[in-house]
C-alpha atoms as a PDB file:
ATOM      1  CA  MET A   1     110.359-143.050 105.409  1.00  0.00           C
ATOM      2  CA  ILE A   2     114.010-142.398 106.359  1.00  0.00           C
ATOM      3  CA  GLY A   3     112.860-140.680 109.551  1.00  0.00           C
ATOM      4  CA  ARG A   4     110.879-143.828 110.580  1.00  0.00           C
ATOM      5  CA  VAL A   5     113.952-145.998 109.872  1.00  0.00           C
ATOM      6  CA  VAL A   6     116.147-143.875 111.905  1.00  0.00           C
ATOM      7  CA  LEU A   7     113.658-143.794 114.790  1.00  0.00           C
ATOM      8  CA  ALA A   8     113.215-147.595 114.710  1.00  0.00           C
ATOM      9  CA  ALA A   9     117.035-148.183 114.688  1.00  0.00           C
ATOM     10  CA  LEU A  10     117.436-145.765 117.449  1.00  0.00           C
ATOM     11  CA  LEU A  11     114.893-147.481 119.652  1.00  0.00           C
ATOM     12  CA  ALA A  12     116.327-150.889 118.726  1.00  0.00           C
ATOM     13  CA  GLY A  13     119.848-149.619 119.742  1.00  0.00           C
ATOM     14  CA  ILE A  14     118.441-148.208 122.927  1.00  0.00           C
ATOM     15  CA  ALA A  15     116.985-151.544 124.007  1.00  0.00           C
ATOM     16  CA  ALA A  16     120.127-153.321 123.251  1.00  0.00           C
ATOM     17  CA  GLY A  17     122.056-150.745 125.145  1.00  0.00           C
ATOM     18  CA  LEU A  18     120.007-151.242 128.325  1.00  0.00           C
ATOM     19  CA  ILE A  19     120.545-154.950 128.374  1.00  0.00           C
ATOM     20  CA  MET A  20     124.323-154.401 127.733  1.00  0.00           C
ATOM     21  CA  GLY A  21     124.351-151.994 130.594  1.00  0.00           C
ATOM     22  CA  ILE A  22     123.045-154.879 132.821  1.00  0.00           C
ATOM     23  CA  ILE A  23     125.567-157.163 131.448  1.00  0.00           C
ATOM     24  CA  GLN A  24     128.393-154.617 132.153  1.00  0.00           C
ATOM     25  CA  HIS A  25     127.308-154.047 135.735  1.00  0.00           C
ATOM     26  CA  VAL A  26     127.208-157.653 136.566  1.00  0.00           C
ATOM     27  CA  ARG A  27     130.238-158.996 134.711  1.00  0.00           C
ATOM     28  CA  LEU A  28     132.525-156.122 133.968  1.00  0.00           C
ATOM     29  CA  THR A  29     132.131-153.460 136.628  1.00  0.00           C
ATOM     30  CA  PRO A  30     133.364-155.895 139.451  1.00  0.00           C
ATOM     31  CA  LEU A  31     136.700-156.462 137.451  1.00  0.00           C
ATOM     32  CA  ILE A  32     137.149-152.683 136.893  1.00  0.00           C
ATOM     33  CA  LEU A  33     136.716-151.985 140.694  1.00  0.00           C
ATOM     34  CA  GLU A  34     139.065-154.807 141.394  1.00  0.00           C
ATOM     35  CA  ALA A  35     141.759-153.343 139.145  1.00  0.00           C
ATOM     36  CA  GLU A  36     141.217-149.834 140.588  1.00  0.00           C
ATOM     37  CA  ARG A  37     141.962-150.951 144.063  1.00  0.00           C
ATOM     38  CA  LEU A  38     145.164-152.424 142.889  1.00  0.00           C
ATOM     39  CA  GLU A  39     146.280-148.955 141.426  1.00  0.00           C
ATOM     40  CA  THR A  40     148.770-146.762 143.326  1.00  0.00           C
ATOM     41  CA  PRO A  41     149.245-142.903 143.017  1.00  0.00           C
ATOM     42  CA  GLN A  42     152.527-143.620 141.347  1.00  0.00           C
ATOM     43  CA  THR A  43     151.139-145.818 138.644  1.00  0.00           C
ATOM     44  CA  VAL A  44     148.119-143.509 138.106  1.00  0.00           C
ATOM     45  CA  ALA A  45     150.608-140.630 137.448  1.00  0.00           C
ATOM     46  CA  ALA A  46     152.809-142.636 135.232  1.00  0.00           C
ATOM     47  CA  HIS A  47     149.886-144.025 133.123  1.00  0.00           C
ATOM     48  CA  SER A  48     148.477-140.537 132.605  1.00  0.00           C
ATOM     49  CA  HIS A  49     151.930-138.917 131.623  1.00  0.00           C
ATOM     50  CA  GLY A  50     151.741-137.498 128.175  1.00  0.00           C
ATOM     51  CA  GLU A  51     147.981-137.898 127.867  1.00  0.00           C
ATOM     52  CA  ASP A  52     145.543-134.952 127.841  1.00  0.00           C
ATOM     53  CA  HIS A  53     143.247-135.564 130.827  1.00  0.00           C
ATOM     54  CA  ASP A  54     140.578-133.143 132.216  1.00  0.00           C
ATOM     55  CA  HIS A  55     140.961-133.387 135.848  1.00  0.00           C
ATOM     56  CA  GLY A  56     138.960-130.139 136.438  1.00  0.00           C
ATOM     57  CA  GLY A  57     135.663-131.263 135.087  1.00  0.00           C
ATOM     58  CA  TRP A  58     132.848-133.171 136.782  1.00  0.00           C
ATOM     59  CA  HIS A  59     133.136-136.894 137.118  1.00  0.00           C
ATOM     60  CA  PRO A  60     130.627-139.268 138.332  1.00  0.00           C
ATOM     61  CA  ALA A  61     131.155-140.422 141.883  1.00  0.00           C
ATOM     62  CA  ASP A  62     131.447-144.197 142.718  1.00  0.00           C
ATOM     63  CA  GLY A  63     128.041-145.903 143.307  1.00  0.00           C
ATOM     64  CA  TRP A  64     124.850-145.089 141.547  1.00  0.00           C
ATOM     65  CA  GLN A  65     126.306-142.032 139.735  1.00  0.00           C
ATOM     66  CA  ARG A  66     128.977-143.904 138.044  1.00  0.00           C
ATOM     67  CA  SER A  67     126.665-146.894 137.153  1.00  0.00           C
ATOM     68  CA  LEU A  68     124.122-144.525 135.711  1.00  0.00           C
ATOM     69  CA  ALA A  69     126.764-142.664 133.683  1.00  0.00           C
ATOM     70  CA  THR A  70     128.040-146.005 132.383  1.00  0.00           C
ATOM     71  CA  ALA A  71     124.559-147.158 131.513  1.00  0.00           C
ATOM     72  CA  LEU A  72     123.807-143.912 129.590  1.00  0.00           C
ATOM     73  CA  THR A  73     127.034-144.135 127.744  1.00  0.00           C
ATOM     74  CA  THR A  74     126.155-147.860 126.717  1.00  0.00           C
ATOM     75  CA  VAL A  75     122.655-146.803 125.658  1.00  0.00           C
ATOM     76  CA  MET A  76     123.922-143.980 123.454  1.00  0.00           C
ATOM     77  CA  ALA A  77     126.647-146.249 121.945  1.00  0.00           C
ATOM     78  CA  GLY A  78     123.802-148.867 121.082  1.00  0.00           C
ATOM     79  CA  ALA A  79     121.658-146.112 119.496  1.00  0.00           C
ATOM     80  CA  ALA A  80     124.664-145.064 117.511  1.00  0.00           C
ATOM     81  CA  PHE A  81     125.766-148.466 116.207  1.00  0.00           C
ATOM     82  CA  ALA A  82     122.080-149.306 115.345  1.00  0.00           C
ATOM     83  CA  ALA A  83     121.704-146.174 113.378  1.00  0.00           C
ATOM     84  CA  VAL A  84     124.990-147.035 111.524  1.00  0.00           C
ATOM     85  CA  LEU A  85     123.704-150.429 110.726  1.00  0.00           C
ATOM     86  CA  ALA A  86     120.494-149.163 109.299  1.00  0.00           C
ATOM     87  CA  GLY A  87     122.361-146.376 107.343  1.00  0.00           C
ATOM     88  CA  ILE A  88     124.790-148.929 105.785  1.00  0.00           C
ATOM     89  CA  SER A  89     121.631-151.063 104.927  1.00  0.00           C
ATOM     90  CA  LEU A  90     119.866-148.200 103.253  1.00  0.00           C
ATOM     91  CA  LEU A  91     122.984-147.045 101.272  1.00  0.00           C
ATOM     92  CA  SER A  92     123.987-150.507 100.133  1.00  0.00           C
ATOM     93  CA  GLY A  93     120.513-151.710  99.403  1.00  0.00           C
ATOM     94  CA  MET A  94     121.029-154.931 101.625  1.00  0.00           C
ATOM     95  CA  ALA A  95     117.908-155.294 103.877  1.00  0.00           C
ATOM     96  CA  ILE A  96     118.156-156.104 107.432  1.00  0.00           C
ATOM     97  CA  THR A  97     115.627-158.727 108.167  1.00  0.00           C
ATOM     98  CA  ARG A  98     114.569-161.101 110.938  1.00  0.00           C
ATOM     99  CA  ARG A  99     116.395-163.797 109.084  1.00  0.00           C
ATOM    100  CA  ASN A 100     119.749-161.989 108.795  1.00  0.00           C
ATOM    101  CA  GLY A 101     119.702-159.533 111.768  1.00  0.00           C
ATOM    102  CA  MET A 102     122.065-161.540 113.969  1.00  0.00           C
ATOM    103  CA  VAL A 103     124.323-161.923 110.837  1.00  0.00           C
ATOM    104  CA  TRP A 104     124.513-158.135 110.595  1.00  0.00           C
ATOM    105  CA  GLY A 105     125.064-158.051 114.322  1.00  0.00           C
ATOM    106  CA  LEU A 106     127.921-160.611 113.962  1.00  0.00           C
ATOM    107  CA  CYS A 107     129.667-158.512 111.136  1.00  0.00           C
ATOM    108  CA  GLY A 108     129.331-155.518 113.550  1.00  0.00           C
ATOM    109  CA  PHE A 109     130.980-157.307 116.311  1.00  0.00           C
ATOM    110  CA  LEU A 110     133.798-158.722 114.070  1.00  0.00           C
ATOM    111  CA  ALA A 111     134.559-155.229 112.805  1.00  0.00           C
ATOM    112  CA  VAL A 112     134.040-152.952 115.832  1.00  0.00           C
ATOM    113  CA  THR A 113     134.989-155.363 118.637  1.00  0.00           C
ATOM    114  CA  LEU A 114     136.959-158.588 117.675  1.00  0.00           C
ATOM    115  CA  ALA A 115     139.517-157.117 114.994  1.00  0.00           C
ATOM    116  CA  PRO A 116     140.579-154.204 117.208  1.00  0.00           C
ATOM    117  CA  ALA A 117     140.819-156.515 120.155  1.00  0.00           C
ATOM    118  CA  MET A 118     143.443-158.711 118.400  1.00  0.00           C
ATOM    119  CA  GLY A 119     145.957-155.604 118.759  1.00  0.00           C
ATOM    120  CA  LEU A 120     144.300-153.626 121.495  1.00  0.00           C
ATOM    121  CA  PRO A 121     142.456-155.884 123.949  1.00  0.00           C
ATOM    122  CA  PRO A 122     140.007-154.367 126.286  1.00  0.00           C
ATOM    123  CA  GLU A 123     141.981-152.388 129.031  1.00  0.00           C
ATOM    124  CA  LEU A 124     141.538-152.270 132.811  1.00  0.00           C
ATOM    125  CA  PRO A 125     142.859-149.373 134.789  1.00  0.00           C
ATOM    126  CA  GLY A 126     146.469-149.811 135.538  1.00  0.00           C
ATOM    127  CA  MET A 127     147.318-151.999 132.465  1.00  0.00           C
ATOM    128  CA  ALA A 128     150.108-150.862 130.214  1.00  0.00           C
ATOM    129  CA  ALA A 129     148.956-148.831 127.236  1.00  0.00           C
ATOM    130  CA  GLY A 130     150.215-147.033 124.203  1.00  0.00           C
ATOM    131  CA  ASP A 131     149.984-143.407 123.241  1.00  0.00           C
ATOM    132  CA  LEU A 132     146.136-142.349 123.366  1.00  0.00           C
ATOM    133  CA  THR A 133     146.019-140.549 120.020  1.00  0.00           C
ATOM    134  CA  MET A 134     147.828-143.293 118.249  1.00  0.00           C
ATOM    135  CA  ARG A 135     145.596-146.050 119.782  1.00  0.00           C
ATOM    136  CA  GLN A 136     142.381-144.096 118.519  1.00  0.00           C
ATOM    137  CA  VAL A 137     143.875-143.822 115.116  1.00  0.00           C
ATOM    138  CA  TRP A 138     144.810-147.514 115.003  1.00  0.00           C
ATOM    139  CA  TRP A 139     141.404-148.389 116.167  1.00  0.00           C
ATOM    140  CA  VAL A 140     139.480-146.450 113.701  1.00  0.00           C
ATOM    141  CA  ALA A 141     141.674-147.586 110.790  1.00  0.00           C
ATOM    142  CA  THR A 142     141.198-151.237 111.976  1.00  0.00           C
ATOM    143  CA  VAL A 143     137.471-150.831 112.081  1.00  0.00           C
ATOM    144  CA  ALA A 144     137.132-149.019 108.768  1.00  0.00           C
ATOM    145  CA  LEU A 145     139.422-151.626 106.889  1.00  0.00           C
ATOM    146  CA  THR A 146     137.795-154.631 108.610  1.00  0.00           C
ATOM    147  CA  ALA A 147     134.402-153.411 107.728  1.00  0.00           C
ATOM    148  CA  ALA A 148     135.221-152.547 104.101  1.00  0.00           C
ATOM    149  CA  GLY A 149     136.803-156.194 103.798  1.00  0.00           C
ATOM    150  CA  ILE A 150     133.470-157.748 105.184  1.00  0.00           C
ATOM    151  CA  TYR A 151     131.529-155.736 102.833  1.00  0.00           C
ATOM    152  CA  LEU A 152     133.691-156.811  99.723  1.00  0.00           C
ATOM    153  CA  ILE A 153     133.211-160.406 100.924  1.00  0.00           C
ATOM    154  CA  VAL A 154     129.463-160.333 101.442  1.00  0.00           C
ATOM    155  CA  ARG A 155     128.570-157.963  98.578  1.00  0.00           C
ATOM    156  CA  ARG A 156     130.932-159.269  95.788  1.00  0.00           C
ATOM    157  CA  GLY A 157     132.285-162.707  96.720  1.00  0.00           C
ATOM    158  CA  GLU A 158     134.583-163.101  93.573  1.00  0.00           C
ATOM    159  CA  ALA A 159     138.040-164.171  94.091  1.00  0.00           C
ATOM    160  CA  TRP A 160     139.547-160.865  93.499  1.00  0.00           C
ATOM    161  CA  ALA A 161     137.220-159.168  95.933  1.00  0.00           C
ATOM    162  CA  VAL A 162     138.094-161.790  98.630  1.00  0.00           C
ATOM    163  CA  ALA A 163     141.700-161.214  98.025  1.00  0.00           C
ATOM    164  CA  ILE A 164     141.559-157.573  98.437  1.00  0.00           C
ATOM    165  CA  ALA A 165     139.109-158.091 101.438  1.00  0.00           C
ATOM    166  CA  LEU A 166     141.747-160.157 103.084  1.00  0.00           C
ATOM    167  CA  VAL A 167     144.505-157.637 102.583  1.00  0.00           C
ATOM    168  CA  LEU A 168     142.364-154.879 103.988  1.00  0.00           C
ATOM    169  CA  ILE A 169     141.548-156.904 107.039  1.00  0.00           C
ATOM    170  CA  ILE A 170     145.059-158.127 107.670  1.00  0.00           C
ATOM    171  CA  LEU A 171     146.783-154.683 106.894  1.00  0.00           C
ATOM    172  CA  PRO A 172     146.289-153.033 110.299  1.00  0.00           C
ATOM    173  CA  HIS A 173     147.563-156.092 112.142  1.00  0.00           C
ATOM    174  CA  ALA A 174     150.648-156.273 109.777  1.00  0.00           C
ATOM    175  CA  VAL A 175     151.464-152.706 110.716  1.00  0.00           C
ATOM    176  CA  GLY A 176     150.698-153.506 114.413  1.00  0.00           C
ATOM    177  CA  ALA A 177     148.988-151.634 117.314  1.00  0.00           C
ATOM    178  CA  PRO A 178     150.912-148.829 119.005  1.00  0.00           C
ATOM    179  CA  PRO A 179     153.021-150.468 121.585  1.00  0.00           C
ATOM    180  CA  PRO A 180     152.833-149.492 125.228  1.00  0.00           C
ATOM    181  CA  VAL A 181     154.666-146.289 126.224  1.00  0.00           C
ATOM    182  CA  HIS A 182     155.428-147.782 129.615  1.00  0.00           C
ATOM    183  CA  ALA A 183     155.941-151.407 130.787  1.00  0.00           C
ATOM    184  CA  GLU A 184     154.575-151.184 134.274  1.00  0.00           C
ATOM    185  CA  SER A 185     151.129-152.718 135.100  1.00  0.00           C
ATOM    186  CA  THR A 186     149.441-153.209 138.345  1.00  0.00           C
ATOM    187  CA  VAL A 187     146.847-155.596 136.783  1.00  0.00           C
ATOM    188  CA  PRO A 188     147.604-159.339 137.379  1.00  0.00           C
ATOM    189  CA  ALA A 189     147.696-161.306 134.150  1.00  0.00           C
ATOM    190  CA  GLU A 190     144.663-163.635 135.346  1.00  0.00           C
ATOM    191  CA  LEU A 191     142.535-160.474 135.995  1.00  0.00           C
ATOM    192  CA  ALA A 192     143.347-159.056 132.621  1.00  0.00           C
ATOM    193  CA  ALA A 193     142.453-162.166 130.771  1.00  0.00           C
ATOM    194  CA  ARG A 194     139.252-162.493 132.705  1.00  0.00           C
ATOM    195  CA  PHE A 195     138.362-158.882 131.753  1.00  0.00           C
ATOM    196  CA  THR A 196     139.204-159.307 128.120  1.00  0.00           C
ATOM    197  CA  ALA A 197     137.292-162.454 127.892  1.00  0.00           C
ATOM    198  CA  ASN A 198     134.087-161.133 129.728  1.00  0.00           C
ATOM    199  CA  ALA A 199     134.337-157.833 127.576  1.00  0.00           C
ATOM    200  CA  ILE A 200     134.518-159.451 124.238  1.00  0.00           C
ATOM    201  CA  ALA A 201     131.765-161.988 125.213  1.00  0.00           C
ATOM    202  CA  ALA A 202     129.578-159.076 126.321  1.00  0.00           C
ATOM    203  CA  ASN A 203     130.053-157.167 123.349  1.00  0.00           C
ATOM    204  CA  ALA A 204     129.283-160.152 121.121  1.00  0.00           C
ATOM    205  CA  VAL A 205     125.980-160.404 122.865  1.00  0.00           C
ATOM    206  CA  PHE A 206     125.497-156.595 122.558  1.00  0.00           C
ATOM    207  CA  TRP A 207     125.937-156.811 118.814  1.00  0.00           C
ATOM    208  CA  LEU A 208     123.984-159.728 118.250  1.00  0.00           C
ATOM    209  CA  LEU A 209     121.207-157.943 120.048  1.00  0.00           C
ATOM    210  CA  ILE A 210     121.700-154.872 118.121  1.00  0.00           C
ATOM    211  CA  GLY A 211     121.393-156.808 114.774  1.00  0.00           C
ATOM    212  CA  GLN A 212     118.244-158.551 115.792  1.00  0.00           C
ATOM    213  CA  PHE A 213     116.405-155.881 117.460  1.00  0.00           C
ATOM    214  CA  VAL A 214     117.277-153.485 114.399  1.00  0.00           C
ATOM    215  CA  ALA A 215     115.758-156.311 112.228  1.00  0.00           C
ATOM    216  CA  ILE A 216     112.593-156.563 114.236  1.00  0.00           C
ATOM    217  CA  ALA A 217     112.028-152.711 114.459  1.00  0.00           C
ATOM    218  CA  LEU A 218     112.652-152.057 110.820  1.00  0.00           C
ATOM    219  CA  SER A 219     110.487-154.901 109.786  1.00  0.00           C
ATOM    220  CA  LEU A 220     107.566-153.201 111.835  1.00  0.00           C
ATOM    221  CA  ALA A 221     108.419-149.733 111.098  1.00  0.00           C
ATOM    222  CA  ALA A 222     109.334-149.801 107.346  1.00  0.00           C
ATOM    223  CA  LYS A 223     107.650-152.896 105.979  1.00  0.00           C
ATOM    224  CA  ASP A 224     107.598-151.350 102.351  1.00  0.00           C
ATOM    225  CA  ILE A 225     111.499-151.396 102.488  1.00  0.00           C
ATOM    226  CA  TYR A 226     112.406-154.167 104.724  1.00  0.00           C
ATOM    227  CA  GLU A 227     110.728-157.463 104.135  1.00  0.00           C
ATOM    228  CA  SER A 228     110.476-159.731 107.292  1.00  0.00           C
END
């Protein structure tokens, strides 16, 4: 049974990832390429200072290799996120159905995309950024605390649970995201704003698709657990 649930979730996530890959190629990749054209060798060196980059390994070339690598990464992310949703559903006993699939997707979007973006908006090459490790720690903590807060609100609902949930959700933003280690940026504000808006909107669609596709897949593959 668990194997069927996992397989169904993975297939649903792959389907959502494929659609997201198309959206990325149309809406996000042109903005990334535009930002890369504005970078200079000096800013590239400044932005990479203090970070551990592997310059000796293989990197996809521009064109079809890069597009394929991005699409594969998006598909794997979709499969992983879908598996996480299915796992949370099984562990919590809250079924993902065709009626609430998009609600599950919305919760995933709020926790994984929107909440972290309030402190660390999606970045283009050449934008000012903080220390990589500190950003990763803050991102993971924000996702975990936001997800815990959403769970308390949805699962419990009592006043005390909502109060704790709000504290958990606000806490990482009260602490604050890591500030940029350098102020220099080659990306115009208008281009950065366009990319942030498009990236957040694309991820909203991505998560809604994951939630609904997982709901459909589970209702077909595990009818005795998930009622449609």
